[in-house]
Amino acid sequence: MGKFGAFEIILILCVVLLLFGGKKIPELMKGLGKGIKEFKDASKGEGETKAEEKNQ
């Protein structure tokens, strides 16, 4: 159950394309990328220092 083959990945991508449409996918990926970046910064403790630098 844990392994995905090429067919399963293609099937998932097709379903996502049908659900959200071609125009919404780049917006979703951009938001996902920002979220991951913020999470990494927060886990490293860099989020607090960047916020402090912006306030000064």
PDB file of N, CA and C in Angstrom:
ATOM      1  N   MET A   1       0.825  -1.197   0.000  1.00  0.00           N
ATOM      2  CA  MET A   1       0.000   0.000   0.000  1.00  0.00           C
ATOM      3  C   MET A   1       0.865   1.254   0.000  1.00  0.00           C
ATOM      4  N   GLY A   2       2.106   1.174   0.443  1.00  0.00           N
ATOM      5  CA  GLY A   2       2.945   2.341   0.572  1.00  0.00           C
ATOM      6  C   GLY A   2       3.679   2.745  -0.681  1.00  0.00           C
ATOM      7  N   LYS A   3       3.736   1.874  -1.686  1.00  0.00           N
ATOM      8  CA  LYS A   3       4.506   2.185  -2.886  1.00  0.00           C
ATOM      9  C   LYS A   3       3.584   2.660  -4.006  1.00  0.00           C
ATOM     10  N   PHE A   4       3.980   3.773  -4.624  1.00  0.00           N
ATOM     11  CA  PHE A   4       3.232   4.305  -5.754  1.00  0.00           C
ATOM     12  C   PHE A   4       4.045   4.083  -7.016  1.00  0.00           C
ATOM     13  N   GLY A   5       3.403   3.549  -8.034  1.00  0.00           N
ATOM     14  CA  GLY A   5       4.046   3.384  -9.326  1.00  0.00           C
ATOM     15  C   GLY A   5       3.753   4.569 -10.220  1.00  0.00           C
ATOM     16  N   ALA A   6       4.258   4.497 -11.433  1.00  0.00           N
ATOM     17  CA  ALA A   6       4.069   5.590 -12.389  1.00  0.00           C
ATOM     18  C   ALA A   6       2.587   5.768 -12.724  1.00  0.00           C
ATOM     19  N   PHE A   7       1.866   4.653 -12.866  1.00  0.00           N
ATOM     20  CA  PHE A   7       0.446   4.743 -13.220  1.00  0.00           C
ATOM     21  C   PHE A   7      -0.356   5.444 -12.133  1.00  0.00           C
ATOM     22  N   GLU A   8      -0.085   5.135 -10.877  1.00  0.00           N
ATOM     23  CA  GLU A   8      -0.822   5.757  -9.780  1.00  0.00           C
ATOM     24  C   GLU A   8      -0.547   7.250  -9.697  1.00  0.00           C
ATOM     25  N   ILE A   9       0.693   7.651  -9.899  1.00  0.00           N
ATOM     26  CA  ILE A   9       1.053   9.070  -9.855  1.00  0.00           C
ATOM     27  C   ILE A   9       0.367   9.827 -10.990  1.00  0.00           C
ATOM     28  N   ILE A  10       0.364   9.254 -12.180  1.00  0.00           N
ATOM     29  CA  ILE A  10      -0.300   9.888 -13.326  1.00  0.00           C
ATOM     30  C   ILE A  10      -1.797   9.996 -13.078  1.00  0.00           C
ATOM     31  N   LEU A  11      -2.385   8.957 -12.508  1.00  0.00           N
ATOM     32  CA  LEU A  11      -3.814   8.975 -12.204  1.00  0.00           C
ATOM     33  C   LEU A  11      -4.153  10.067 -11.182  1.00  0.00           C
ATOM     34  N   ILE A  12      -3.342  10.210 -10.155  1.00  0.00           N
ATOM     35  CA  ILE A  12      -3.555  11.246  -9.146  1.00  0.00           C
ATOM     36  C   ILE A  12      -3.435  12.629  -9.770  1.00  0.00           C
ATOM     37  N   LEU A  13      -2.433  12.827 -10.615  1.00  0.00           N
ATOM     38  CA  LEU A  13      -2.262  14.126 -11.277  1.00  0.00           C
ATOM     39  C   LEU A  13      -3.445  14.458 -12.184  1.00  0.00           C
ATOM     40  N   CYS A  14      -3.981  13.468 -12.870  1.00  0.00           N
ATOM     41  CA  CYS A  14      -5.153  13.707 -13.727  1.00  0.00           C
ATOM     42  C   CYS A  14      -6.370  14.092 -12.897  1.00  0.00           C
ATOM     43  N   VAL A  15      -6.564  13.428 -11.773  1.00  0.00           N
ATOM     44  CA  VAL A  15      -7.702  13.754 -10.907  1.00  0.00           C
ATOM     45  C   VAL A  15      -7.560  15.176 -10.364  1.00  0.00           C
ATOM     46  N   VAL A  16      -6.359  15.553  -9.945  1.00  0.00           N
ATOM     47  CA  VAL A  16      -6.127  16.915  -9.443  1.00  0.00           C
ATOM     48  C   VAL A  16      -6.393  17.933 -10.542  1.00  0.00           C
ATOM     49  N   LEU A  17      -5.946  17.636 -11.745  1.00  0.00           N
ATOM     50  CA  LEU A  17      -6.179  18.544 -12.872  1.00  0.00           C
ATOM     51  C   LEU A  17      -7.666  18.702 -13.149  1.00  0.00           C
ATOM     52  N   LEU A  18      -8.420  17.618 -13.080  1.00  0.00           N
ATOM     53  CA  LEU A  18      -9.862  17.702 -13.308  1.00  0.00           C
ATOM     54  C   LEU A  18     -10.579  18.458 -12.197  1.00  0.00           C
ATOM     55  N   LEU A  19     -10.146  18.272 -10.966  1.00  0.00           N
ATOM     56  CA  LEU A  19     -10.810  18.925  -9.842  1.00  0.00           C
ATOM     57  C   LEU A  19     -10.555  20.425  -9.790  1.00  0.00           C
ATOM     58  N   PHE A  20      -9.310  20.828  -9.995  1.00  0.00           N
ATOM     59  CA  PHE A  20      -8.947  22.226  -9.789  1.00  0.00           C
ATOM     60  C   PHE A  20      -8.804  23.019 -11.083  1.00  0.00           C
ATOM     61  N   GLY A  21      -8.612  22.392 -12.189  1.00  0.00           N
ATOM     62  CA  GLY A  21      -8.439  23.090 -13.452  1.00  0.00           C
ATOM     63  C   GLY A  21      -7.001  23.554 -13.629  1.00  0.00           C
ATOM     64  N   GLY A  22      -6.652  23.868 -14.847  1.00  0.00           N
ATOM     65  CA  GLY A  22      -5.283  24.234 -15.174  1.00  0.00           C
ATOM     66  C   GLY A  22      -4.831  25.570 -14.608  1.00  0.00           C
ATOM     67  N   LYS A  23      -5.753  26.491 -14.409  1.00  0.00           N
ATOM     68  CA  LYS A  23      -5.373  27.827 -13.946  1.00  0.00           C
ATOM     69  C   LYS A  23      -5.133  27.881 -12.446  1.00  0.00           C
ATOM     70  N   LYS A  24      -5.776  27.025 -11.686  1.00  0.00           N
ATOM     71  CA  LYS A  24      -5.657  27.060 -10.223  1.00  0.00           C
ATOM     72  C   LYS A  24      -4.433  26.311  -9.714  1.00  0.00           C
ATOM     73  N   ILE A  25      -3.927  25.358 -10.468  1.00  0.00           N
ATOM     74  CA  ILE A  25      -2.822  24.519  -9.980  1.00  0.00           C
ATOM     75  C   ILE A  25      -1.565  25.334  -9.682  1.00  0.00           C
ATOM     76  N   PRO A  26      -1.133  26.273 -10.549  1.00  0.00           N
ATOM     77  CA  PRO A  26       0.057  27.064 -10.188  1.00  0.00           C
ATOM     78  C   PRO A  26      -0.128  27.872  -8.906  1.00  0.00           C
ATOM     79  N   GLU A  27      -1.341  28.394  -8.697  1.00  0.00           N
ATOM     80  CA  GLU A  27      -1.616  29.141  -7.468  1.00  0.00           C
ATOM     81  C   GLU A  27      -1.530  28.233  -6.247  1.00  0.00           C
ATOM     82  N   LEU A  28      -2.057  27.021  -6.376  1.00  0.00           N
ATOM     83  CA  LEU A  28      -2.000  26.062  -5.269  1.00  0.00           C
ATOM     84  C   LEU A  28      -0.568  25.669  -4.952  1.00  0.00           C
ATOM     85  N   MET A  29       0.234  25.445  -5.984  1.00  0.00           N
ATOM     86  CA  MET A  29       1.632  25.040  -5.772  1.00  0.00           C
ATOM     87  C   MET A  29       2.447  26.188  -5.163  1.00  0.00           C
ATOM     88  N   LYS A  30       2.148  27.420  -5.576  1.00  0.00           N
ATOM     89  CA  LYS A  30       2.835  28.582  -5.011  1.00  0.00           C
ATOM     90  C   LYS A  30       2.522  28.706  -3.523  1.00  0.00           C
ATOM     91  N   GLY A  31       1.258  28.547  -3.167  1.00  0.00           N
ATOM     92  CA  GLY A  31       0.863  28.595  -1.759  1.00  0.00           C
ATOM     93  C   GLY A  31       1.483  27.464  -0.963  1.00  0.00           C
ATOM     94  N   LEU A  32       1.554  26.281  -1.558  1.00  0.00           N
ATOM     95  CA  LEU A  32       2.169  25.138  -0.889  1.00  0.00           C
ATOM     96  C   LEU A  32       3.659  25.382  -0.669  1.00  0.00           C
ATOM     97  N   GLY A  33       4.324  25.955  -1.653  1.00  0.00           N
ATOM     98  CA  GLY A  33       5.745  26.262  -1.524  1.00  0.00           C
ATOM     99  C   GLY A  33       6.017  27.283  -0.431  1.00  0.00           C
ATOM    100  N   LYS A  34       5.182  28.305  -0.353  1.00  0.00           N
ATOM    101  CA  LYS A  34       5.333  29.314   0.705  1.00  0.00           C
ATOM    102  C   LYS A  34       5.121  28.689   2.077  1.00  0.00           C
ATOM    103  N   GLY A  35       4.128  27.817   2.166  1.00  0.00           N
ATOM    104  CA  GLY A  35       3.858  27.154   3.438  1.00  0.00           C
ATOM    105  C   GLY A  35       5.008  26.283   3.895  1.00  0.00           C
ATOM    106  N   ILE A  36       5.601  25.541   2.966  1.00  0.00           N
ATOM    107  CA  ILE A  36       6.741  24.695   3.299  1.00  0.00           C
ATOM    108  C   ILE A  36       7.929  25.534   3.719  1.00  0.00           C
ATOM    109  N   LYS A  37       8.163  26.647   3.008  1.00  0.00           N
ATOM    110  CA  LYS A  37       9.281  27.524   3.350  1.00  0.00           C
ATOM    111  C   LYS A  37       9.104  28.122   4.741  1.00  0.00           C
ATOM    112  N   GLU A  38       7.892  28.568   5.049  1.00  0.00           N
ATOM    113  CA  GLU A  38       7.620  29.129   6.376  1.00  0.00           C
ATOM    114  C   GLU A  38       7.796  28.074   7.463  1.00  0.00           C
ATOM    115  N   PHE A  39       7.378  26.852   7.180  1.00  0.00           N
ATOM    116  CA  PHE A  39       7.532  25.771   8.144  1.00  0.00           C
ATOM    117  C   PHE A  39       9.003  25.473   8.405  1.00  0.00           C
ATOM    118  N   LYS A  40       9.808  25.429   7.343  1.00  0.00           N
ATOM    119  CA  LYS A  40      11.242  25.176   7.510  1.00  0.00           C
ATOM    120  C   LYS A  40      11.902  26.295   8.302  1.00  0.00           C
ATOM    121  N   ASP A  41      11.549  27.547   7.990  1.00  0.00           N
ATOM    122  CA  ASP A  41      12.117  28.680   8.714  1.00  0.00           C
ATOM    123  C   ASP A  41      11.733  28.638  10.191  1.00  0.00           C
ATOM    124  N   ALA A  42      10.483  28.299  10.456  1.00  0.00           N
ATOM    125  CA  ALA A  42      10.021  28.246  11.843  1.00  0.00           C
ATOM    126  C   ALA A  42      10.688  27.107  12.601  1.00  0.00           C
ATOM    127  N   SER A  43      10.909  25.986  11.930  1.00  0.00           N
ATOM    128  CA  SER A  43      11.527  24.856  12.611  1.00  0.00           C
ATOM    129  C   SER A  43      13.003  25.127  12.910  1.00  0.00           C
ATOM    130  N   LYS A  44      13.634  25.962  12.106  1.00  0.00           N
ATOM    131  CA  LYS A  44      15.030  26.337  12.353  1.00  0.00           C
ATOM    132  C   LYS A  44      15.140  27.500  13.328  1.00  0.00           C
ATOM    133  N   GLY A  45      14.050  28.172  13.588  1.00  0.00           N
ATOM    134  CA  GLY A  45      14.063  29.327  14.470  1.00  0.00           C
ATOM    135  C   GLY A  45      14.384  30.614  13.746  1.00  0.00           C
ATOM    136  N   GLU A  46      14.422  30.573  12.422  1.00  0.00           N
ATOM    137  CA  GLU A  46      14.742  31.767  11.643  1.00  0.00           C
ATOM    138  C   GLU A  46      13.538  32.683  11.495  1.00  0.00           C
ATOM    139  N   GLY A  47      12.353  32.173  11.686  1.00  0.00           N
ATOM    140  CA  GLY A  47      11.152  32.986  11.528  1.00  0.00           C
ATOM    141  C   GLY A  47      11.116  34.137  12.503  1.00  0.00           C
ATOM    142  N   GLU A  48      11.576  33.902  13.731  1.00  0.00           N
ATOM    143  CA  GLU A  48      11.569  34.954  14.749  1.00  0.00           C
ATOM    144  C   GLU A  48      12.579  36.038  14.429  1.00  0.00           C
ATOM    145  N   THR A  49      13.743  35.646  13.952  1.00  0.00           N
ATOM    146  CA  THR A  49      14.779  36.646  13.657  1.00  0.00           C
ATOM    147  C   THR A  49      14.396  37.496  12.457  1.00  0.00           C
ATOM    148  N   LYS A  50      13.776  36.917  11.459  1.00  0.00           N
ATOM    149  CA  LYS A  50      13.345  37.689  10.284  1.00  0.00           C
ATOM    150  C   LYS A  50      12.259  38.675  10.669  1.00  0.00           C
ATOM    151  N   ALA A  51      11.350  38.272  11.524  1.00  0.00           N
ATOM    152  CA  ALA A  51      10.280  39.155  11.961  1.00  0.00           C
ATOM    153  C   ALA A  51      10.848  40.322  12.755  1.00  0.00           C
ATOM    154  N   GLU A  52      11.857  40.042  13.578  1.00  0.00           N
ATOM    155  CA  GLU A  52      12.490  41.107  14.364  1.00  0.00           C
ATOM    156  C   GLU A  52      13.230  42.080  13.462  1.00  0.00           C
ATOM    157  N   GLU A  53      13.878  41.582  12.382  1.00  0.00           N
ATOM    158  CA  GLU A  53      14.607  42.448  11.478  1.00  0.00           C
ATOM    159  C   GLU A  53      13.655  43.367  10.710  1.00  0.00           C
ATOM    160  N   LYS A  54      12.481  42.869  10.375  1.00  0.00           N
ATOM    161  CA  LYS A  54      11.502  43.688   9.648  1.00  0.00           C
ATOM    162  C   LYS A  54      10.964  44.812  10.515  1.00  0.00           C
ATOM    163  N   ASN A  55      10.861  44.582  11.817  1.00  0.00           N
ATOM    164  CA  ASN A  55      10.337  45.591  12.717  1.00  0.00           C
ATOM    165  C   ASN A  55      11.333  46.706  12.974  1.00  0.00           C
ATOM    166  N   GLN A  56      12.588  46.474  12.752  1.00  0.00           N
ATOM    167  CA  GLN A  56      13.617  47.497  13.048  1.00  0.00           C
ATOM    168  C   GLN A  56      13.824  48.410  11.894  1.00  0.00           C
TER     169      GLN A  56
END
